[in-house]
Amino acid sequence: MPSDIPAIDDPEEIASYLVRENGLDGARLVAINGTTSANAEGDMLRLSVWRQVKSILSSWDRVNDAEA
């Protein structure tokens, strides 16, 4: 697997990749859509990963707010 594509089950790598590709707001939107899709499909593993990604992105947002 190319090094710039995240492991499919590592929320930290997924979050980092999404921010690099889409910025923080875009990454958050992708994560929300991923959570919604996984929930609708009943895919509990994907849902868990996306929830973790959202949590990581939220924590990064709080860090950015604290630094501002």
C-alpha atoms as a PDB file:
ATOM      1  CA  MET A   1       0.000   0.000   0.000  1.00  0.00           C
ATOM      2  CA  PRO A   2       1.384   3.455  -0.874  1.00  0.00           C
ATOM      3  CA  SER A   3       2.559   5.368   2.192  1.00  0.00           C
ATOM      4  CA  ASP A   4       0.244   8.352   1.562  1.00  0.00           C
ATOM      5  CA  ILE A   5      -2.911   6.206   1.773  1.00  0.00           C
ATOM      6  CA  PRO A   6      -3.998   5.435   5.344  1.00  0.00           C
ATOM      7  CA  ALA A   7      -4.535   1.982   6.785  1.00  0.00           C
ATOM      8  CA  ILE A   8      -8.260   1.363   6.564  1.00  0.00           C
ATOM      9  CA  ASP A   9      -8.684   0.700  10.279  1.00  0.00           C
ATOM     10  CA  ASP A  10      -6.326   3.226  11.899  1.00  0.00           C
ATOM     11  CA  PRO A  11      -8.381   6.285  12.878  1.00  0.00           C
ATOM     12  CA  GLU A  12      -5.309   8.461  13.502  1.00  0.00           C
ATOM     13  CA  GLU A  13      -3.928   7.755  10.013  1.00  0.00           C
ATOM     14  CA  ILE A  14      -7.339   8.272   8.443  1.00  0.00           C
ATOM     15  CA  ALA A  15      -7.788  11.614  10.229  1.00  0.00           C
ATOM     16  CA  SER A  16      -4.321  12.802   9.188  1.00  0.00           C
ATOM     17  CA  TYR A  17      -4.899  11.779   5.579  1.00  0.00           C
ATOM     18  CA  LEU A  18      -8.308  13.466   5.449  1.00  0.00           C
ATOM     19  CA  VAL A  19      -6.920  16.726   6.836  1.00  0.00           C
ATOM     20  CA  ARG A  20      -4.035  16.690   4.335  1.00  0.00           C
ATOM     21  CA  GLU A  21      -6.415  16.091   1.447  1.00  0.00           C
ATOM     22  CA  ASN A  22      -9.426  18.187   2.525  1.00  0.00           C
ATOM     23  CA  GLY A  23      -8.435  20.551   5.325  1.00  0.00           C
ATOM     24  CA  LEU A  24      -9.918  20.250   8.802  1.00  0.00           C
ATOM     25  CA  ASP A  25     -13.463  21.299   7.881  1.00  0.00           C
ATOM     26  CA  GLY A  26     -13.517  19.049   4.826  1.00  0.00           C
ATOM     27  CA  ALA A  27     -12.135  16.151   6.849  1.00  0.00           C
ATOM     28  CA  ARG A  28     -14.864  16.649   9.406  1.00  0.00           C
ATOM     29  CA  LEU A  29     -17.504  16.546   6.651  1.00  0.00           C
ATOM     30  CA  VAL A  30     -16.031  13.328   5.207  1.00  0.00           C
ATOM     31  CA  ALA A  31     -16.079  11.774   8.680  1.00  0.00           C
ATOM     32  CA  ILE A  32     -19.714  12.774   9.243  1.00  0.00           C
ATOM     33  CA  ASN A  33     -20.674  11.267   5.885  1.00  0.00           C
ATOM     34  CA  GLY A  34     -18.699   8.108   6.664  1.00  0.00           C
ATOM     35  CA  THR A  35     -20.433   7.747  10.025  1.00  0.00           C
ATOM     36  CA  THR A  36     -23.857   8.240   8.466  1.00  0.00           C
ATOM     37  CA  SER A  37     -23.145   5.734   5.701  1.00  0.00           C
ATOM     38  CA  ALA A  38     -21.750   3.077   8.051  1.00  0.00           C
ATOM     39  CA  ASN A  39     -24.714   3.490  10.383  1.00  0.00           C
ATOM     40  CA  ALA A  40     -27.218   3.196   7.533  1.00  0.00           C
ATOM     41  CA  GLU A  41     -25.500   0.025   6.306  1.00  0.00           C
ATOM     42  CA  GLY A  42     -25.278  -1.452   9.796  1.00  0.00           C
ATOM     43  CA  ASP A  43     -21.486  -1.790   9.527  1.00  0.00           C
ATOM     44  CA  MET A  44     -20.483  -1.553  13.163  1.00  0.00           C
ATOM     45  CA  LEU A  45     -16.723  -1.825  12.519  1.00  0.00           C
ATOM     46  CA  ARG A  46     -16.726   1.071  10.056  1.00  0.00           C
ATOM     47  CA  LEU A  47     -19.041   3.027  12.339  1.00  0.00           C
ATOM     48  CA  SER A  48     -16.623   2.594  15.231  1.00  0.00           C
ATOM     49  CA  VAL A  49     -13.649   3.706  13.124  1.00  0.00           C
ATOM     50  CA  TRP A  50     -15.489   6.780  11.795  1.00  0.00           C
ATOM     51  CA  ARG A  51     -16.572   7.753  15.305  1.00  0.00           C
ATOM     52  CA  GLN A  52     -12.960   7.587  16.415  1.00  0.00           C
ATOM     53  CA  VAL A  53     -11.912   9.680  13.412  1.00  0.00           C
ATOM     54  CA  LYS A  54     -14.533  12.297  14.339  1.00  0.00           C
ATOM     55  CA  SER A  55     -13.278  12.319  17.924  1.00  0.00           C
ATOM     56  CA  ILE A  56      -9.676  12.831  16.786  1.00  0.00           C
ATOM     57  CA  LEU A  57     -10.692  15.665  14.450  1.00  0.00           C
ATOM     58  CA  SER A  58     -12.649  17.309  17.287  1.00  0.00           C
ATOM     59  CA  SER A  59      -9.650  17.115  19.581  1.00  0.00           C
ATOM     60  CA  TRP A  60      -7.462  18.730  16.900  1.00  0.00           C
ATOM     61  CA  ASP A  61     -10.056  21.465  16.538  1.00  0.00           C
ATOM     62  CA  ARG A  62      -9.968  22.119  20.301  1.00  0.00           C
ATOM     63  CA  VAL A  63      -6.155  22.310  20.165  1.00  0.00           C
ATOM     64  CA  ASN A  64      -6.347  24.838  17.307  1.00  0.00           C
ATOM     65  CA  ASP A  65      -8.890  26.922  19.254  1.00  0.00           C
ATOM     66  CA  ALA A  66      -6.644  26.905  22.337  1.00  0.00           C
ATOM     67  CA  GLU A  67      -3.650  28.085  20.297  1.00  0.00           C
ATOM     68  CA  ALA A  68      -5.578  30.956  18.672  1.00  0.00           C
END
